[in-house]
PDB file of N, CA and C in Angstrom:
ATOM      1  N   MET A   1     -17.283  -1.174   2.459  1.00  0.00           N
ATOM      2  CA  MET A   1     -17.252   0.154   3.032  1.00  0.00           C
ATOM      3  C   MET A   1     -16.281   0.225   4.214  1.00  0.00           C
ATOM      4  N   ALA A   2     -16.211  -0.883   4.945  1.00  0.00           N
ATOM      5  CA  ALA A   2     -15.312  -0.907   6.097  1.00  0.00           C
ATOM      6  C   ALA A   2     -13.854  -0.839   5.664  1.00  0.00           C
ATOM      7  N   LYS A   3     -13.542  -1.411   4.495  1.00  0.00           N
ATOM      8  CA  LYS A   3     -12.171  -1.361   4.004  1.00  0.00           C
ATOM      9  C   LYS A   3     -11.777   0.058   3.621  1.00  0.00           C
ATOM     10  N   VAL A   4     -12.721   0.808   3.081  1.00  0.00           N
ATOM     11  CA  VAL A   4     -12.445   2.198   2.708  1.00  0.00           C
ATOM     12  C   VAL A   4     -12.179   3.030   3.955  1.00  0.00           C
ATOM     13  N   ILE A   5     -12.968   2.826   4.978  1.00  0.00           N
ATOM     14  CA  ILE A   5     -12.778   3.557   6.234  1.00  0.00           C
ATOM     15  C   ILE A   5     -11.435   3.187   6.856  1.00  0.00           C
ATOM     16  N   LEU A   6     -11.094   1.905   6.823  1.00  0.00           N
ATOM     17  CA  LEU A   6      -9.810   1.463   7.355  1.00  0.00           C
ATOM     18  C   LEU A   6      -8.658   2.080   6.563  1.00  0.00           C
ATOM     19  N   LEU A   7      -8.772   2.109   5.244  1.00  0.00           N
ATOM     20  CA  LEU A   7      -7.732   2.704   4.409  1.00  0.00           C
ATOM     21  C   LEU A   7      -7.574   4.187   4.704  1.00  0.00           C
ATOM     22  N   MET A   8      -8.669   4.904   4.830  1.00  0.00           N
ATOM     23  CA  MET A   8      -8.590   6.334   5.137  1.00  0.00           C
ATOM     24  C   MET A   8      -7.979   6.579   6.516  1.00  0.00           C
ATOM     25  N   THR A   9      -8.284   5.729   7.469  1.00  0.00           N
ATOM     26  CA  THR A   9      -7.708   5.853   8.799  1.00  0.00           C
ATOM     27  C   THR A   9      -6.203   5.633   8.758  1.00  0.00           C
ATOM     28  N   VAL A  10      -5.774   4.624   8.034  1.00  0.00           N
ATOM     29  CA  VAL A  10      -4.344   4.347   7.919  1.00  0.00           C
ATOM     30  C   VAL A  10      -3.635   5.506   7.223  1.00  0.00           C
ATOM     31  N   LEU A  11      -4.224   6.020   6.141  1.00  0.00           N
ATOM     32  CA  LEU A  11      -3.612   7.150   5.441  1.00  0.00           C
ATOM     33  C   LEU A  11      -3.541   8.384   6.332  1.00  0.00           C
ATOM     34  N   THR A  12      -4.561   8.604   7.138  1.00  0.00           N
ATOM     35  CA  THR A  12      -4.548   9.740   8.050  1.00  0.00           C
ATOM     36  C   THR A  12      -3.423   9.610   9.059  1.00  0.00           C
ATOM     37  N   VAL A  13      -3.264   8.423   9.599  1.00  0.00           N
ATOM     38  CA  VAL A  13      -2.227   8.219  10.603  1.00  0.00           C
ATOM     39  C   VAL A  13      -0.845   8.346   9.985  1.00  0.00           C
ATOM     40  N   LEU A  14      -0.666   7.828   8.772  1.00  0.00           N
ATOM     41  CA  LEU A  14       0.665   7.804   8.163  1.00  0.00           C
ATOM     42  C   LEU A  14       1.067   9.107   7.494  1.00  0.00           C
ATOM     43  N   ILE A  15       0.114   9.899   7.035  1.00  0.00           N
ATOM     44  CA  ILE A  15       0.457  11.088   6.253  1.00  0.00           C
ATOM     45  C   ILE A  15       0.065  12.371   6.967  1.00  0.00           C
ATOM     46  N   VAL A  16      -1.176  12.486   7.362  1.00  0.00           N
ATOM     47  CA  VAL A  16      -1.690  13.755   7.875  1.00  0.00           C
ATOM     48  C   VAL A  16      -1.114  14.079   9.251  1.00  0.00           C
ATOM     49  N   LEU A  17      -1.101  13.130  10.150  1.00  0.00           N
ATOM     50  CA  LEU A  17      -0.625  13.419  11.505  1.00  0.00           C
ATOM     51  C   LEU A  17       0.853  13.811  11.561  1.00  0.00           C
ATOM     52  N   PRO A  18       1.765  13.109  10.873  1.00  0.00           N
ATOM     53  CA  PRO A  18       3.156  13.585  10.881  1.00  0.00           C
ATOM     54  C   PRO A  18       3.315  14.953  10.225  1.00  0.00           C
ATOM     55  N   THR A  19       2.546  15.226   9.188  1.00  0.00           N
ATOM     56  CA  THR A  19       2.622  16.535   8.539  1.00  0.00           C
ATOM     57  C   THR A  19       2.152  17.633   9.480  1.00  0.00           C
ATOM     58  N   LEU A  20       1.076  17.416  10.198  1.00  0.00           N
ATOM     59  CA  LEU A  20       0.603  18.404  11.173  1.00  0.00           C
ATOM     60  C   LEU A  20       1.628  18.603  12.283  1.00  0.00           C
ATOM     61  N   HIS A  21       2.276  17.546  12.680  1.00  0.00           N
ATOM     62  CA  HIS A  21       3.309  17.673  13.714  1.00  0.00           C
ATOM     63  C   HIS A  21       4.448  18.568  13.228  1.00  0.00           C
ATOM     64  N   VAL A  22       4.852  18.397  11.976  1.00  0.00           N
ATOM     65  CA  VAL A  22       5.933  19.212  11.421  1.00  0.00           C
ATOM     66  C   VAL A  22       5.506  20.668  11.310  1.00  0.00           C
ATOM     67  N   VAL A  23       4.277  20.897  10.895  1.00  0.00           N
ATOM     68  CA  VAL A  23       3.796  22.268  10.694  1.00  0.00           C
ATOM     69  C   VAL A  23       3.739  23.027  12.021  1.00  0.00           C
ATOM     70  N   PHE A  24       3.245  22.402  13.051  1.00  0.00           N
ATOM     71  CA  PHE A  24       3.052  23.092  14.320  1.00  0.00           C
ATOM     72  C   PHE A  24       4.187  22.850  15.325  1.00  0.00           C
ATOM     73  N   ALA A  25       5.301  22.255  14.898  1.00  0.00           N
ATOM     74  CA  ALA A  25       6.366  21.915  15.833  1.00  0.00           C
ATOM     75  C   ALA A  25       7.206  23.123  16.240  1.00  0.00           C
ATOM     76  N   GLU A  26       7.315  24.108  15.387  1.00  0.00           N
ATOM     77  CA  GLU A  26       8.165  25.255  15.700  1.00  0.00           C
ATOM     78  C   GLU A  26       7.424  26.222  16.625  1.00  0.00           C
ATOM     79  N   SER A  27       7.815  26.215  17.883  1.00  0.00           N
ATOM     80  CA  SER A  27       7.164  27.124  18.824  1.00  0.00           C
ATOM     81  C   SER A  27       7.993  28.377  19.078  1.00  0.00           C
ATOM     82  N   GLY A  28       9.258  28.339  18.724  1.00  0.00           N
ATOM     83  CA  GLY A  28      10.107  29.508  18.935  1.00  0.00           C
ATOM     84  C   GLY A  28      11.373  29.395  18.123  1.00  0.00           C
ATOM     85  N   PRO A  29      12.185  30.462  18.113  1.00  0.00           N
ATOM     86  CA  PRO A  29      13.405  30.433  17.307  1.00  0.00           C
ATOM     87  C   PRO A  29      14.430  29.424  17.784  1.00  0.00           C
ATOM     88  N   GLU A  30      14.336  28.987  19.031  1.00  0.00           N
ATOM     89  CA  GLU A  30      15.311  28.025  19.533  1.00  0.00           C
ATOM     90  C   GLU A  30      14.990  26.591  19.111  1.00  0.00           C
ATOM     91  N   GLU A  31      13.828  26.350  18.532  1.00  0.00           N
ATOM     92  CA  GLU A  31      13.410  24.996  18.174  1.00  0.00           C
ATOM     93  C   GLU A  31      13.180  24.852  16.669  1.00  0.00           C
ATOM     94  N   TYR A  32      14.130  25.285  15.876  1.00  0.00           N
ATOM     95  CA  TYR A  32      13.990  25.147  14.436  1.00  0.00           C
ATOM     96  C   TYR A  32      14.116  23.681  14.025  1.00  0.00           C
ATOM     97  N   ILE A  33      13.440  23.357  12.947  1.00  0.00           N
ATOM     98  CA  ILE A  33      13.446  21.988  12.445  1.00  0.00           C
ATOM     99  C   ILE A  33      14.308  21.936  11.190  1.00  0.00           C
ATOM    100  N   ASN A  34      15.135  20.929  11.100  1.00  0.00           N
ATOM    101  CA  ASN A  34      15.883  20.699   9.876  1.00  0.00           C
ATOM    102  C   ASN A  34      14.926  20.018   8.892  1.00  0.00           C
ATOM    103  N   ARG A  35      14.410  20.763   7.957  1.00  0.00           N
ATOM    104  CA  ARG A  35      13.371  20.251   7.057  1.00  0.00           C
ATOM    105  C   ARG A  35      13.883  19.163   6.130  1.00  0.00           C
ATOM    106  N   ARG A  36      15.178  19.172   5.819  1.00  0.00           N
ATOM    107  CA  ARG A  36      15.715  18.098   4.980  1.00  0.00           C
ATOM    108  C   ARG A  36      15.582  16.746   5.666  1.00  0.00           C
ATOM    109  N   VAL A  37      15.823  16.733   6.961  1.00  0.00           N
ATOM    110  CA  VAL A  37      15.715  15.490   7.715  1.00  0.00           C
ATOM    111  C   VAL A  37      14.263  15.035   7.766  1.00  0.00           C
ATOM    112  N   VAL A  38      13.347  15.949   7.967  1.00  0.00           N
ATOM    113  CA  VAL A  38      11.933  15.602   8.048  1.00  0.00           C
ATOM    114  C   VAL A  38      11.429  15.103   6.699  1.00  0.00           C
ATOM    115  N   VAL A  39      11.828  15.781   5.627  1.00  0.00           N
ATOM    116  CA  VAL A  39      11.394  15.363   4.291  1.00  0.00           C
ATOM    117  C   VAL A  39      11.967  13.988   3.966  1.00  0.00           C
ATOM    118  N   TRP A  40      13.237  13.761   4.279  1.00  0.00           N
ATOM    119  CA  TRP A  40      13.823  12.458   4.016  1.00  0.00           C
ATOM    120  C   TRP A  40      13.121  11.374   4.827  1.00  0.00           C
ATOM    121  N   ASN A  41      12.773  11.665   6.063  1.00  0.00           N
ATOM    122  CA  ASN A  41      12.087  10.698   6.913  1.00  0.00           C
ATOM    123  C   ASN A  41      10.719  10.337   6.333  1.00  0.00           C
ATOM    124  N   LEU A  42       9.960  11.351   5.893  1.00  0.00           N
ATOM    125  CA  LEU A  42       8.659  11.080   5.280  1.00  0.00           C
ATOM    126  C   LEU A  42       8.824  10.289   3.987  1.00  0.00           C
ATOM    127  N   PHE A  43       9.824  10.661   3.174  1.00  0.00           N
ATOM    128  CA  PHE A  43      10.082   9.940   1.936  1.00  0.00           C
ATOM    129  C   PHE A  43      10.411   8.479   2.217  1.00  0.00           C
ATOM    130  N   PHE A  44      11.260   8.236   3.207  1.00  0.00           N
ATOM    131  CA  PHE A  44      11.640   6.869   3.540  1.00  0.00           C
ATOM    132  C   PHE A  44      10.431   6.054   3.996  1.00  0.00           C
ATOM    133  N   LYS A  45       9.590   6.647   4.840  1.00  0.00           N
ATOM    134  CA  LYS A  45       8.396   5.939   5.309  1.00  0.00           C
ATOM    135  C   LYS A  45       7.466   5.603   4.148  1.00  0.00           C
ATOM    136  N   MET A  46       7.229   6.580   3.269  1.00  0.00           N
ATOM    137  CA  MET A  46       6.309   6.351   2.155  1.00  0.00           C
ATOM    138  C   MET A  46       6.882   5.338   1.160  1.00  0.00           C
ATOM    139  N   MET A  47       8.187   5.358   0.934  1.00  0.00           N
ATOM    140  CA  MET A  47       8.782   4.381   0.028  1.00  0.00           C
ATOM    141  C   MET A  47       8.718   2.977   0.623  1.00  0.00           C
ATOM    142  N   THR A  48       8.878   2.860   1.923  1.00  0.00           N
ATOM    143  CA  THR A  48       8.741   1.560   2.574  1.00  0.00           C
ATOM    144  C   THR A  48       7.326   1.027   2.408  1.00  0.00           C
ATOM    145  N   ILE A  49       6.351   1.889   2.589  1.00  0.00           N
ATOM    146  CA  ILE A  49       4.955   1.488   2.406  1.00  0.00           C
ATOM    147  C   ILE A  49       4.699   1.127   0.953  1.00  0.00           C
ATOM    148  N   ALA A  50       5.232   1.913   0.017  1.00  0.00           N
ATOM    149  CA  ALA A  50       5.016   1.644  -1.409  1.00  0.00           C
ATOM    150  C   ALA A  50       5.630   0.305  -1.818  1.00  0.00           C
ATOM    151  N   PHE A  51       6.831   0.008  -1.339  1.00  0.00           N
ATOM    152  CA  PHE A  51       7.448  -1.273  -1.672  1.00  0.00           C
ATOM    153  C   PHE A  51       6.674  -2.433  -1.062  1.00  0.00           C
ATOM    154  N   THR A  52       6.167  -2.259   0.139  1.00  0.00           N
ATOM    155  CA  THR A  52       5.382  -3.322   0.769  1.00  0.00           C
ATOM    156  C   THR A  52       4.096  -3.585  -0.002  1.00  0.00           C
ATOM    157  N   VAL A  53       3.384  -2.522  -0.348  1.00  0.00           N
ATOM    158  CA  VAL A  53       2.144  -2.676  -1.128  1.00  0.00           C
ATOM    159  C   VAL A  53       2.454  -3.287  -2.486  1.00  0.00           C
ATOM    160  N   GLY A  54       3.527  -2.852  -3.125  1.00  0.00           N
ATOM    161  CA  GLY A  54       3.913  -3.414  -4.413  1.00  0.00           C
ATOM    162  C   GLY A  54       4.231  -4.895  -4.320  1.00  0.00           C
ATOM    163  N   ALA A  55       4.907  -5.302  -3.265  1.00  0.00           N
ATOM    164  CA  ALA A  55       5.237  -6.720  -3.082  1.00  0.00           C
ATOM    165  C   ALA A  55       3.970  -7.547  -2.877  1.00  0.00           C
ATOM    166  N   VAL A  56       3.023  -7.023  -2.116  1.00  0.00           N
ATOM    167  CA  VAL A  56       1.765  -7.746  -1.886  1.00  0.00           C
ATOM    168  C   VAL A  56       0.979  -7.874  -3.193  1.00  0.00           C
ATOM    169  N   VAL A  57       0.894  -6.790  -3.951  1.00  0.00           N
ATOM    170  CA  VAL A  57       0.154  -6.820  -5.226  1.00  0.00           C
ATOM    171  C   VAL A  57       0.842  -7.766  -6.207  1.00  0.00           C
ATOM    172  N   SER A  58       2.157  -7.705  -6.302  1.00  0.00           N
ATOM    173  CA  SER A  58       2.879  -8.598  -7.210  1.00  0.00           C
ATOM    174  C   SER A  58       2.692 -10.059  -6.804  1.00  0.00           C
ATOM    175  N   GLY A  59       2.789 -10.324  -5.526  1.00  0.00           N
ATOM    176  CA  GLY A  59       2.582 -11.689  -5.050  1.00  0.00           C
ATOM    177  C   GLY A  59       1.181 -12.191  -5.333  1.00  0.00           C
ATOM    178  N   THR A  60       0.200 -11.334  -5.158  1.00  0.00           N
ATOM    179  CA  THR A  60      -1.183 -11.725  -5.440  1.00  0.00           C
ATOM    180  C   THR A  60      -1.370 -12.010  -6.920  1.00  0.00           C
ATOM    181  N   LEU A  61      -0.812 -11.161  -7.775  1.00  0.00           N
ATOM    182  CA  LEU A  61      -0.922 -11.390  -9.222  1.00  0.00           C
ATOM    183  C   LEU A  61      -0.243 -12.699  -9.630  1.00  0.00           C
ATOM    184  N   ILE A  62       0.931 -12.947  -9.089  1.00  0.00           N
ATOM    185  CA  ILE A  62       1.627 -14.200  -9.420  1.00  0.00           C
ATOM    186  C   ILE A  62       0.807 -15.392  -8.962  1.00  0.00           C
ATOM    187  N   TRP A  63       0.223 -15.324  -7.775  1.00  0.00           N
ATOM    188  CA  TRP A  63      -0.599 -16.437  -7.284  1.00  0.00           C
ATOM    189  C   TRP A  63      -1.819 -16.647  -8.168  1.00  0.00           C
ATOM    190  N   VAL A  64      -2.507 -15.565  -8.550  1.00  0.00           N
ATOM    191  CA  VAL A  64      -3.706 -15.688  -9.385  1.00  0.00           C
ATOM    192  C   VAL A  64      -3.351 -16.278 -10.745  1.00  0.00           C
ATOM    193  N   ILE A  65      -2.275 -15.789 -11.344  1.00  0.00           N
ATOM    194  CA  ILE A  65      -1.876 -16.305 -12.653  1.00  0.00           C
ATOM    195  C   ILE A  65      -1.474 -17.772 -12.548  1.00  0.00           C
ATOM    196  N   TRP A  66      -0.749 -18.142 -11.506  1.00  0.00           N
ATOM    197  CA  TRP A  66      -0.320 -19.525 -11.348  1.00  0.00           C
ATOM    198  C   TRP A  66      -1.507 -20.443 -11.025  1.00  0.00           C
ATOM    199  N   ARG A  67      -2.428 -19.967 -10.211  1.00  0.00           N
ATOM    200  CA  ARG A  67      -3.558 -20.798  -9.782  1.00  0.00           C
ATOM    201  C   ARG A  67      -4.561 -21.030 -10.907  1.00  0.00           C
ATOM    202  N   PHE A  68      -4.811 -20.022 -11.729  1.00  0.00           N
ATOM    203  CA  PHE A  68      -5.850 -20.130 -12.744  1.00  0.00           C
ATOM    204  C   PHE A  68      -5.276 -20.287 -14.151  1.00  0.00           C
ATOM    205  N   ARG A  69      -4.074 -20.819 -14.244  1.00  0.00           N
ATOM    206  CA  ARG A  69      -3.498 -21.056 -15.574  1.00  0.00           C
ATOM    207  C   ARG A  69      -4.234 -22.209 -16.254  1.00  0.00           C
ATOM    208  N   GLU A  70      -4.056 -22.296 -17.556  1.00  0.00           N
ATOM    209  CA  GLU A  70      -4.787 -23.291 -18.319  1.00  0.00           C
ATOM    210  C   GLU A  70      -4.305 -24.707 -18.044  1.00  0.00           C
ATOM    211  N   SER A  71      -3.033 -24.876 -17.733  1.00  0.00           N
ATOM    212  CA  SER A  71      -2.486 -26.218 -17.533  1.00  0.00           C
ATOM    213  C   SER A  71      -2.594 -26.701 -16.084  1.00  0.00           C
ATOM    214  N   HIS A  72      -3.290 -25.967 -15.247  1.00  0.00           N
ATOM    215  CA  HIS A  72      -3.438 -26.375 -13.850  1.00  0.00           C
ATOM    216  C   HIS A  72      -4.265 -27.649 -13.777  1.00  0.00           C
ATOM    217  N   PRO A  73      -3.850 -28.630 -12.954  1.00  0.00           N
ATOM    218  CA  PRO A  73      -4.576 -29.906 -12.901  1.00  0.00           C
ATOM    219  C   PRO A  73      -6.030 -29.778 -12.452  1.00  0.00           C
ATOM    220  N   LYS A  74      -6.328 -28.830 -11.601  1.00  0.00           N
ATOM    221  CA  LYS A  74      -7.697 -28.679 -11.105  1.00  0.00           C
ATOM    222  C   LYS A  74      -8.526 -27.704 -11.934  1.00  0.00           C
ATOM    223  N   ALA A  75      -7.919 -27.129 -12.967  1.00  0.00           N
ATOM    224  CA  ALA A  75      -8.650 -26.160 -13.781  1.00  0.00           C
ATOM    225  C   ALA A  75      -9.644 -26.894 -14.677  1.00  0.00           C
ATOM    226  N   LYS A  76     -10.895 -26.485 -14.610  1.00  0.00           N
ATOM    227  CA  LYS A  76     -11.937 -27.078 -15.450  1.00  0.00           C
ATOM    228  C   LYS A  76     -12.714 -25.948 -16.111  1.00  0.00           C
ATOM    229  N   PRO A  77     -13.108 -26.148 -17.347  1.00  0.00           N
ATOM    230  CA  PRO A  77     -13.891 -25.093 -18.005  1.00  0.00           C
ATOM    231  C   PRO A  77     -15.252 -24.913 -17.329  1.00  0.00           C
ATOM    232  N   THR A  78     -15.740 -23.709 -17.357  1.00  0.00           N
ATOM    233  CA  THR A  78     -17.060 -23.447 -16.793  1.00  0.00           C
ATOM    234  C   THR A  78     -18.127 -23.858 -17.800  1.00  0.00           C
ATOM    235  N   LYS A  79     -19.350 -23.851 -17.346  1.00  0.00           N
ATOM    236  CA  LYS A  79     -20.442 -24.245 -18.247  1.00  0.00           C
ATOM    237  C   LYS A  79     -20.633 -23.214 -19.361  1.00  0.00           C
ATOM    238  N   TYR A  80     -20.133 -22.007 -19.157  1.00  0.00           N
ATOM    239  CA  TYR A  80     -20.283 -20.962 -20.164  1.00  0.00           C
ATOM    240  C   TYR A  80     -19.267 -21.092 -21.298  1.00  0.00           C
ATOM    241  N   GLU A  81     -18.197 -21.840 -21.087  1.00  0.00           N
ATOM    242  CA  GLU A  81     -17.197 -22.001 -22.128  1.00  0.00           C
ATOM    243  C   GLU A  81     -17.621 -23.019 -23.180  1.00  0.00           C
ATOM    244  N   GLY A  82     -18.537 -23.905 -22.826  1.00  0.00           N
ATOM    245  CA  GLY A  82     -19.068 -24.848 -23.786  1.00  0.00           C
ATOM    246  C   GLY A  82     -18.120 -25.979 -24.163  1.00  0.00           C
ATOM    247  N   ILE A  83     -17.156 -26.275 -23.334  1.00  0.00           N
ATOM    248  CA  ILE A  83     -16.210 -27.344 -23.613  1.00  0.00           C
ATOM    249  C   ILE A  83     -16.413 -28.426 -22.557  1.00  0.00           C
ATOM    250  N   ASP A  84     -16.605 -29.654 -23.018  1.00  0.00           N
ATOM    251  CA  ASP A  84     -16.748 -30.776 -22.092  1.00  0.00           C
ATOM    252  C   ASP A  84     -15.449 -31.547 -22.041  1.00  0.00           C
ATOM    253  N   TRP A  85     -14.983 -31.860 -20.859  1.00  0.00           N
ATOM    254  CA  TRP A  85     -13.759 -32.651 -20.715  1.00  0.00           C
ATOM    255  C   TRP A  85     -14.111 -34.057 -20.386  1.00  0.00           C
TER     256      TRP A  85
END
């Protein structure tokens, strides 16, 4: 449950707060925002996060596959497999 709360907090900080800042940033005609720059900035941040998460997931999958492969020296069948070595 704590991981879910942490994830929601991170998502709030990374997505909701910058979006609220953009929405309420225009206080007058002299302070217009170039929305292309803001959209590109948000896109860049989210793509950086996506690539980082993807790298972590890929690395974890590679480690799991390498660690629990059949030819691993420390790999032993469980009692449920019914094979004695």
